[in-house]
Amino acid sequence: MVGNNFIYPLESISIIEDYFRANFPRYNQTEKGMHAGFWWVSYCLDVILVRFDGDIGGVFHVYIHIDGKEYPLWQYNKKIISHDKTNSKNILFALNMVRDFLYESNIQLVKR
């Protein structure tokens, strides 16, 4: 960890990978990468694509696409706006929000 406010790209990706293994086991990782402090990872299941990207010490973003249409998390829950700094607490917050969004959208793809 670098300081108390941010984490290395590999740590960000690891948090997401661990969460998907535990909560979204049917999703396949379709993309993963790091370059010069930037990172990205994507998962897909059928018509659903979930993508995270961010940078060390900066902010990260979450993109959910269902059947080609983007569903911004901030429209679902505005709390995500204040949780965009790249750190483990905020990444976990966003992952839980993704889980809740998919569940509440009646997309029965979350392990129960």
C-alpha atoms as a PDB file:
ATOM      1  CA  MET A   1       0.000   0.000   0.000  1.00  0.00           C
ATOM      2  CA  VAL A   2       1.177   3.504  -0.773  1.00  0.00           C
ATOM      3  CA  GLY A   3       0.357   5.794   2.130  1.00  0.00           C
ATOM      4  CA  ASN A   4      -3.143   5.499   3.553  1.00  0.00           C
ATOM      5  CA  ASN A   5      -5.078   6.928   0.642  1.00  0.00           C
ATOM      6  CA  PHE A   6      -4.427   4.713  -2.345  1.00  0.00           C
ATOM      7  CA  ILE A   7      -3.259   1.306  -3.451  1.00  0.00           C
ATOM      8  CA  TYR A   8      -1.184  -0.141  -6.251  1.00  0.00           C
ATOM      9  CA  PRO A   9      -2.964  -1.220  -9.451  1.00  0.00           C
ATOM     10  CA  LEU A  10      -2.381  -4.926  -8.791  1.00  0.00           C
ATOM     11  CA  GLU A  11      -4.060  -4.579  -5.375  1.00  0.00           C
ATOM     12  CA  SER A  12      -7.092  -2.884  -6.949  1.00  0.00           C
ATOM     13  CA  ILE A  13      -7.431  -5.676  -9.486  1.00  0.00           C
ATOM     14  CA  SER A  14      -6.958  -8.359  -6.806  1.00  0.00           C
ATOM     15  CA  ILE A  15      -9.787  -6.942  -4.692  1.00  0.00           C
ATOM     16  CA  ILE A  16     -12.109  -7.072  -7.705  1.00  0.00           C
ATOM     17  CA  GLU A  17     -10.991 -10.568  -8.736  1.00  0.00           C
ATOM     18  CA  ASP A  18     -11.515 -11.932  -5.214  1.00  0.00           C
ATOM     19  CA  TYR A  19     -14.952 -10.338  -5.007  1.00  0.00           C
ATOM     20  CA  PHE A  20     -16.037 -11.720  -8.372  1.00  0.00           C
ATOM     21  CA  ARG A  21     -14.825 -15.217  -7.467  1.00  0.00           C
ATOM     22  CA  ALA A  22     -16.879 -15.106  -4.257  1.00  0.00           C
ATOM     23  CA  ASN A  23     -20.002 -13.285  -5.475  1.00  0.00           C
ATOM     24  CA  PHE A  24     -20.174 -13.621  -9.252  1.00  0.00           C
ATOM     25  CA  PRO A  25     -18.702 -17.065  -9.949  1.00  0.00           C
ATOM     26  CA  ARG A  26     -20.441 -17.425 -13.313  1.00  0.00           C
ATOM     27  CA  TYR A  27     -18.849 -14.284 -14.744  1.00  0.00           C
ATOM     28  CA  ASN A  28     -15.761 -14.622 -16.941  1.00  0.00           C
ATOM     29  CA  GLN A  29     -12.886 -12.198 -16.786  1.00  0.00           C
ATOM     30  CA  THR A  30     -12.584 -10.769 -20.285  1.00  0.00           C
ATOM     31  CA  GLU A  31      -9.936  -8.110 -19.795  1.00  0.00           C
ATOM     32  CA  LYS A  32      -7.216  -7.278 -17.284  1.00  0.00           C
ATOM     33  CA  GLY A  33      -4.304  -4.901 -17.534  1.00  0.00           C
ATOM     34  CA  MET A  34      -2.026  -2.318 -15.999  1.00  0.00           C
ATOM     35  CA  HIS A  35       0.171   0.355 -17.492  1.00  0.00           C
ATOM     36  CA  ALA A  36       2.028   3.258 -15.881  1.00  0.00           C
ATOM     37  CA  GLY A  37      -0.194   3.410 -12.801  1.00  0.00           C
ATOM     38  CA  PHE A  38      -3.441   2.809 -14.684  1.00  0.00           C
ATOM     39  CA  TRP A  39      -5.418  -0.408 -14.339  1.00  0.00           C
ATOM     40  CA  TRP A  40      -8.549  -2.040 -15.768  1.00  0.00           C
ATOM     41  CA  VAL A  41     -10.491  -5.277 -15.418  1.00  0.00           C
ATOM     42  CA  SER A  42     -13.713  -6.477 -17.058  1.00  0.00           C
ATOM     43  CA  TYR A  43     -16.132  -9.327 -16.474  1.00  0.00           C
ATOM     44  CA  CYS A  44     -18.887 -10.629 -18.695  1.00  0.00           C
ATOM     45  CA  LEU A  45     -21.851 -12.975 -18.448  1.00  0.00           C
ATOM     46  CA  ASP A  46     -24.209 -13.328 -21.368  1.00  0.00           C
ATOM     47  CA  VAL A  47     -25.318  -9.753 -22.215  1.00  0.00           C
ATOM     48  CA  ILE A  48     -23.872  -8.168 -19.054  1.00  0.00           C
ATOM     49  CA  LEU A  49     -20.473  -6.460 -19.003  1.00  0.00           C
ATOM     50  CA  VAL A  50     -18.986  -4.974 -15.823  1.00  0.00           C
ATOM     51  CA  ARG A  51     -15.787  -2.945 -16.231  1.00  0.00           C
ATOM     52  CA  PHE A  52     -13.614  -1.212 -13.660  1.00  0.00           C
ATOM     53  CA  ASP A  53     -10.758   1.134 -14.477  1.00  0.00           C
ATOM     54  CA  GLY A  54      -8.711   3.577 -12.479  1.00  0.00           C
ATOM     55  CA  ASP A  55      -5.303   4.857 -11.554  1.00  0.00           C
ATOM     56  CA  ILE A  56      -2.981   4.860  -8.583  1.00  0.00           C
ATOM     57  CA  GLY A  57      -3.736   7.730  -6.260  1.00  0.00           C
ATOM     58  CA  GLY A  58      -6.612   8.968  -8.369  1.00  0.00           C
ATOM     59  CA  VAL A  59     -10.122   7.821  -9.053  1.00  0.00           C
ATOM     60  CA  PHE A  60     -11.717   4.702 -10.465  1.00  0.00           C
ATOM     61  CA  HIS A  61     -14.861   4.143 -12.526  1.00  0.00           C
ATOM     62  CA  VAL A  62     -17.368   1.327 -12.860  1.00  0.00           C
ATOM     63  CA  TYR A  63     -19.282   0.683 -16.058  1.00  0.00           C
ATOM     64  CA  ILE A  64     -22.231  -1.692 -16.320  1.00  0.00           C
ATOM     65  CA  HIS A  65     -23.553  -2.538 -19.769  1.00  0.00           C
ATOM     66  CA  ILE A  66     -26.600  -4.742 -20.211  1.00  0.00           C
ATOM     67  CA  ASP A  67     -27.426  -5.751 -23.738  1.00  0.00           C
ATOM     68  CA  GLY A  68     -25.311  -2.863 -25.028  1.00  0.00           C
ATOM     69  CA  LYS A  69     -26.938  -0.187 -22.853  1.00  0.00           C
ATOM     70  CA  GLU A  70     -24.862   1.535 -20.167  1.00  0.00           C
ATOM     71  CA  TYR A  71     -26.290   1.825 -16.647  1.00  0.00           C
ATOM     72  CA  PRO A  72     -24.294   4.441 -14.688  1.00  0.00           C
ATOM     73  CA  LEU A  73     -24.093   3.530 -11.002  1.00  0.00           C
ATOM     74  CA  TRP A  74     -24.440   7.163  -9.936  1.00  0.00           C
ATOM     75  CA  GLN A  75     -27.971   7.156 -11.361  1.00  0.00           C
ATOM     76  CA  TYR A  76     -28.781   4.110  -9.258  1.00  0.00           C
ATOM     77  CA  ASN A  77     -27.205   5.463  -6.060  1.00  0.00           C
ATOM     78  CA  LYS A  78     -25.572   8.885  -5.850  1.00  0.00           C
ATOM     79  CA  LYS A  79     -23.389   7.770  -2.909  1.00  0.00           C
ATOM     80  CA  ILE A  80     -20.951   6.311  -5.439  1.00  0.00           C
ATOM     81  CA  ILE A  81     -19.934   9.856  -6.380  1.00  0.00           C
ATOM     82  CA  SER A  82     -18.248  10.370  -3.004  1.00  0.00           C
ATOM     83  CA  HIS A  83     -16.564   6.938  -3.148  1.00  0.00           C
ATOM     84  CA  ASP A  84     -14.503   7.280  -6.324  1.00  0.00           C
ATOM     85  CA  LYS A  85     -10.985   7.567  -4.882  1.00  0.00           C
ATOM     86  CA  THR A  86      -8.912   4.479  -5.605  1.00  0.00           C
ATOM     87  CA  ASN A  87      -8.647   2.663  -2.283  1.00  0.00           C
ATOM     88  CA  SER A  88      -9.791  -0.714  -1.025  1.00  0.00           C
ATOM     89  CA  LYS A  89     -12.737   0.632   0.994  1.00  0.00           C
ATOM     90  CA  ASN A  90     -14.184   2.483  -2.005  1.00  0.00           C
ATOM     91  CA  ILE A  91     -13.624  -0.400  -4.413  1.00  0.00           C
ATOM     92  CA  LEU A  92     -15.494  -2.728  -2.047  1.00  0.00           C
ATOM     93  CA  PHE A  93     -18.258  -0.129  -1.709  1.00  0.00           C
ATOM     94  CA  ALA A  94     -18.605  -0.028  -5.513  1.00  0.00           C
ATOM     95  CA  LEU A  95     -18.552  -3.821  -5.802  1.00  0.00           C
ATOM     96  CA  ASN A  96     -21.369  -4.101  -3.271  1.00  0.00           C
ATOM     97  CA  MET A  97     -23.287  -1.464  -5.214  1.00  0.00           C
ATOM     98  CA  VAL A  98     -22.816  -3.451  -8.444  1.00  0.00           C
ATOM     99  CA  ARG A  99     -24.129  -6.553  -6.665  1.00  0.00           C
ATOM    100  CA  ASP A 100     -27.133  -4.656  -5.309  1.00  0.00           C
ATOM    101  CA  PHE A 101     -27.852  -3.034  -8.679  1.00  0.00           C
ATOM    102  CA  LEU A 102     -27.871  -6.370 -10.493  1.00  0.00           C
ATOM    103  CA  TYR A 103     -30.009  -7.976  -7.802  1.00  0.00           C
ATOM    104  CA  GLU A 104     -32.516  -5.121  -7.549  1.00  0.00           C
ATOM    105  CA  SER A 105     -32.700  -4.881 -11.324  1.00  0.00           C
ATOM    106  CA  ASN A 106     -34.051  -8.433 -11.145  1.00  0.00           C
ATOM    107  CA  ILE A 107     -30.993  -9.797 -12.873  1.00  0.00           C
ATOM    108  CA  GLN A 108     -30.716 -13.141 -11.148  1.00  0.00           C
ATOM    109  CA  LEU A 109     -27.030 -13.673 -11.790  1.00  0.00           C
ATOM    110  CA  VAL A 110     -25.736 -13.105  -8.281  1.00  0.00           C
ATOM    111  CA  LYS A 111     -24.849 -16.188  -6.232  1.00  0.00           C
ATOM    112  CA  ARG A 112     -27.374 -16.635  -3.431  1.00  0.00           C
END
